[in-house]
N, C-alpha and C. Protein backbone atom coordinates (compact mmCIF):
# COMPACT_ATOMS: atom_id res chain seq x y z
N MET A 1 109.22 78.94 79.01
CA MET A 1 107.88 79.86 79.10
C MET A 1 107.57 80.59 77.57
N SER A 2 106.90 80.67 76.77
CA SER A 2 107.09 80.85 75.48
C SER A 2 106.81 82.37 74.97
N PRO A 3 107.21 82.79 73.76
CA PRO A 3 107.56 84.35 73.68
C PRO A 3 106.54 85.24 73.39
N SER A 4 105.13 84.62 73.64
CA SER A 4 103.86 85.20 73.35
C SER A 4 104.03 85.66 74.97
N SER A 5 103.93 84.98 76.01
CA SER A 5 104.22 85.79 77.23
C SER A 5 104.95 86.06 78.10
N THR A 6 106.31 86.38 77.05
CA THR A 6 107.46 87.40 77.81
C THR A 6 107.16 88.82 78.14
N ASN A 7 107.65 89.44 78.44
CA ASN A 7 107.55 91.00 78.52
C ASN A 7 108.69 91.46 77.34
N ARG A 8 108.37 92.55 76.90
CA ARG A 8 109.31 93.68 76.19
C ARG A 8 111.06 93.00 76.76
N GLY A 9 111.26 93.28 77.73
CA GLY A 9 112.93 93.42 78.20
C GLY A 9 113.29 92.14 77.95
N GLU A 10 112.15 90.41 78.20
CA GLU A 10 112.53 89.33 78.47
C GLU A 10 112.67 89.27 76.79
N ARG A 11 111.98 89.49 76.02
CA ARG A 11 111.92 89.40 74.80
C ARG A 11 113.35 89.72 73.74
N GLU A 12 113.41 90.65 73.92
CA GLU A 12 115.07 91.36 73.35
C GLU A 12 116.49 90.76 74.50
N ASP A 13 116.36 89.96 75.22
CA ASP A 13 117.01 89.36 76.09
C ASP A 13 117.46 87.67 75.56
N ARG A 14 116.32 87.13 75.33
CA ARG A 14 116.82 86.13 74.70
C ARG A 14 117.00 86.19 73.15
N THR A 15 118.11 85.40 72.99
CA THR A 15 118.72 85.11 71.82
C THR A 15 118.18 83.65 71.02
N ASP A 16 117.15 83.07 71.28
CA ASP A 16 116.66 81.97 70.64
C ASP A 16 115.20 82.38 70.22
N ASP A 17 114.74 83.69 70.22
CA ASP A 17 113.90 83.85 70.15
C ASP A 17 114.01 85.02 68.40
N PRO A 18 113.76 84.12 67.45
CA PRO A 18 113.86 84.79 66.44
C PRO A 18 112.96 86.57 66.21
N LEU A 19 112.25 86.69 66.77
CA LEU A 19 111.48 87.90 66.95
C LEU A 19 112.26 89.02 67.45
N ALA A 20 112.66 88.61 68.32
CA ALA A 20 113.87 89.53 69.01
C ALA A 20 114.94 90.15 68.46
N ARG A 21 115.22 89.89 66.87
CA ARG A 21 116.26 90.19 66.19
C ARG A 21 115.51 91.26 64.93
N ILE A 22 114.29 91.62 65.44
CA ILE A 22 113.74 91.50 64.43
C ILE A 22 113.72 93.22 64.65
N ARG A 23 113.77 94.46 63.77
CA ARG A 23 113.26 95.75 64.09
C ARG A 23 112.82 96.69 62.83
N CYS A 24 111.63 97.14 63.14
CA CYS A 24 111.13 97.95 62.57
C CYS A 24 111.81 99.49 62.48
N VAL A 25 112.37 99.78 61.30
CA VAL A 25 112.47 101.14 61.07
C VAL A 25 111.62 102.41 60.34
N LEU A 26 111.36 103.16 61.10
CA LEU A 26 110.38 104.33 59.96
C LEU A 26 111.41 105.23 59.83
N VAL A 27 111.82 105.78 58.50
CA VAL A 27 112.48 106.57 58.01
C VAL A 27 111.48 108.23 57.76
N GLU A 28 111.98 109.49 58.60
CA GLU A 28 111.31 110.51 58.38
C GLU A 28 110.03 110.46 58.15
N THR A 29 109.12 110.09 59.36
CA THR A 29 107.82 110.03 59.22
C THR A 29 106.86 111.52 59.21
N THR A 30 106.16 111.58 58.93
CA THR A 30 105.52 112.85 59.35
C THR A 30 104.66 112.95 59.88
N HIS A 31 103.35 111.66 60.16
CA HIS A 31 102.53 111.86 60.38
C HIS A 31 102.70 110.67 61.69
N THR A 32 102.22 111.48 62.90
CA THR A 32 102.38 110.90 64.08
C THR A 32 101.67 109.98 64.36
N GLY A 33 100.26 109.84 63.65
CA GLY A 33 99.03 109.13 63.91
C GLY A 33 99.49 107.42 63.10
N ASN A 34 100.41 107.45 61.98
CA ASN A 34 100.90 106.58 61.15
C ASN A 34 101.61 105.74 62.23
N LEU A 35 103.05 106.52 62.87
CA LEU A 35 103.65 105.70 63.85
C LEU A 35 102.57 104.90 65.04
N GLY A 36 101.57 105.62 65.47
CA GLY A 36 101.29 105.07 66.72
C GLY A 36 100.06 103.50 65.81
N ALA A 37 100.08 103.56 64.51
CA ALA A 37 99.48 102.35 63.97
C ALA A 37 99.70 101.58 63.78
N VAL A 38 101.68 102.22 63.32
CA VAL A 38 102.02 101.00 63.30
C VAL A 38 102.90 100.21 64.42
N ALA A 39 103.15 100.58 65.67
CA ALA A 39 103.15 100.37 67.08
C ALA A 39 102.12 99.19 67.59
N ARG A 40 101.11 99.79 66.60
CA ARG A 40 100.16 98.63 67.21
C ARG A 40 100.40 97.39 66.18
N ALA A 41 100.55 97.62 65.14
CA ALA A 41 100.17 96.41 64.42
C ALA A 41 101.57 95.56 64.69
N LEU A 42 102.89 96.26 64.67
CA LEU A 42 103.99 95.36 65.37
C LEU A 42 103.75 94.38 66.71
N LYS A 43 103.36 95.02 67.41
CA LYS A 43 103.07 94.54 68.93
C LYS A 43 101.87 92.96 68.74
N THR A 44 100.68 93.68 67.90
CA THR A 44 99.63 92.53 67.30
C THR A 44 100.72 91.50 67.03
N MET A 45 101.70 91.47 66.03
CA MET A 45 102.60 90.24 65.43
C MET A 45 103.85 90.07 66.69
N GLY A 46 104.01 90.53 67.85
CA GLY A 46 104.76 90.07 68.83
C GLY A 46 105.79 90.90 68.32
N LEU A 47 105.83 91.54 67.56
CA LEU A 47 107.53 92.12 67.24
C LEU A 47 107.09 93.91 68.56
N THR A 48 108.90 93.91 69.05
CA THR A 48 108.91 94.59 70.17
C THR A 48 109.86 95.99 70.10
N ARG A 49 110.85 95.60 68.65
CA ARG A 49 111.49 96.77 68.19
C ARG A 49 111.27 97.85 67.25
N LEU A 50 110.91 99.15 67.85
CA LEU A 50 110.67 99.96 66.53
C LEU A 50 111.92 101.32 66.71
N ALA A 51 112.03 101.39 66.00
CA ALA A 51 112.93 102.76 65.33
C ALA A 51 112.72 103.57 64.71
N LEU A 52 112.98 104.88 64.70
CA LEU A 52 112.34 106.22 63.82
C LEU A 52 114.11 106.58 63.33
N VAL A 53 113.79 107.07 62.59
CA VAL A 53 115.36 107.79 61.81
C VAL A 53 114.87 109.36 61.49
N ASN A 54 115.32 110.20 62.02
CA ASN A 54 114.98 111.59 61.47
C ASN A 54 113.23 112.02 61.23
N PRO A 55 112.77 111.50 62.75
CA PRO A 55 111.61 111.98 62.36
C PRO A 55 110.97 113.68 62.36
N LYS A 56 110.01 113.68 61.38
CA LYS A 56 109.80 115.29 61.49
C LYS A 56 109.14 116.03 62.63
N GLN A 57 108.43 115.30 63.08
CA GLN A 57 107.47 115.55 64.14
C GLN A 57 107.76 114.34 65.57
N PRO A 58 107.85 114.64 67.01
CA PRO A 58 107.74 113.65 67.61
C PRO A 58 106.96 113.07 68.00
N PRO A 59 106.78 112.01 68.68
CA PRO A 59 105.42 111.35 69.00
C PRO A 59 104.49 112.09 69.71
N ASP A 60 102.88 112.26 69.77
CA ASP A 60 102.27 113.19 70.21
C ASP A 60 100.97 112.42 70.97
N ALA A 61 99.68 113.00 71.20
CA ALA A 61 98.86 112.25 71.67
C ALA A 61 98.16 111.44 70.67
N GLU A 62 98.32 111.76 69.81
CA GLU A 62 97.67 111.29 68.55
C GLU A 62 98.31 109.87 68.42
N ALA A 63 99.18 109.88 68.09
CA ALA A 63 100.26 109.01 67.59
C ALA A 63 100.02 107.31 69.31
N LEU A 64 99.67 108.50 70.52
CA LEU A 64 99.63 107.17 71.59
C LEU A 64 98.47 106.81 71.74
N ALA A 65 97.02 107.86 70.92
CA ALA A 65 95.56 107.13 70.84
C ALA A 65 95.74 106.28 70.06
N ARG A 66 96.44 106.56 68.49
CA ARG A 66 96.10 105.34 67.62
C ARG A 66 97.22 104.43 67.84
N ALA A 67 98.03 104.21 69.03
CA ALA A 67 99.01 102.77 69.29
C ALA A 67 97.79 102.26 70.08
N SER A 68 96.69 102.22 70.95
CA SER A 68 95.67 101.41 71.64
C SER A 68 96.47 100.36 72.35
N GLY A 69 97.30 100.81 73.16
CA GLY A 69 97.78 99.74 73.79
C GLY A 69 99.12 99.16 73.26
N ALA A 70 99.68 99.85 72.71
CA ALA A 70 100.89 99.48 72.57
C ALA A 70 101.72 100.68 72.46
N ASP A 71 101.53 101.64 73.67
CA ASP A 71 102.14 102.79 74.28
C ASP A 71 104.12 102.78 74.80
N ASP A 72 103.98 101.20 74.75
CA ASP A 72 105.43 100.97 75.23
C ASP A 72 106.08 101.13 74.42
N LEU A 73 105.67 100.83 73.07
CA LEU A 73 106.52 100.73 71.99
C LEU A 73 107.06 102.04 71.86
N ILE A 74 106.08 102.53 71.73
CA ILE A 74 106.15 104.20 71.17
C ILE A 74 107.49 104.43 72.23
N ASN A 75 107.35 104.63 73.72
CA ASN A 75 107.98 104.70 74.56
C ASN A 75 109.13 104.26 74.24
N LEU A 76 109.16 103.47 74.39
CA LEU A 76 110.81 102.81 74.35
C LEU A 76 111.02 102.70 73.02
N ARG A 77 111.05 103.10 71.99
CA ARG A 77 111.68 103.31 71.15
C ARG A 77 112.57 103.91 70.83
N LYS A 78 113.82 103.87 69.90
CA LYS A 78 115.28 104.15 69.37
C LYS A 78 114.76 105.39 68.47
N GLU A 79 115.52 106.20 68.37
CA GLU A 79 115.62 107.51 67.49
C GLU A 79 116.54 107.67 67.33
N ARG A 80 117.18 108.56 65.91
CA ARG A 80 118.52 108.58 65.73
C ARG A 80 118.25 109.86 64.66
N LYS A 81 119.42 110.24 64.19
CA LYS A 81 118.87 111.39 63.14
C LYS A 81 119.44 111.09 62.10
N ASN A 82 120.63 110.31 62.00
CA ASN A 82 120.63 109.53 60.50
C ASN A 82 121.02 108.41 60.60
N GLY A 83 120.54 107.74 59.92
CA GLY A 83 120.52 105.66 59.99
C GLY A 83 120.74 105.77 61.61
N VAL A 84 120.59 103.96 61.15
CA VAL A 84 120.16 103.54 62.47
C VAL A 84 121.25 102.30 63.02
C-alpha cells in the first residue's frame, strides 16, 4: 500500500513512512482562517500531523471552511498551552 493511499491512522503507525514523522506546529495563531488554509496545504502535501501551541482562538467555522476537505486535520490536531 502506498503512503498516499493510507488514511491518517495508518500513516502515523507506519515507521517507514518519513511523512509520518513531520509535524507542523503553529504558535499563538490569531486568525482561524489561516489555520484552515494550513490544514488544507498540509493535506495536499500528504502530511497529517498538526499541532497548535497557545492559540488565541479555537478553530471555528471559518477555519473549517478554509480547510476545504482537510477538516480531519483540524479535528485531530494536538493542542498545547506551552510548547510542543
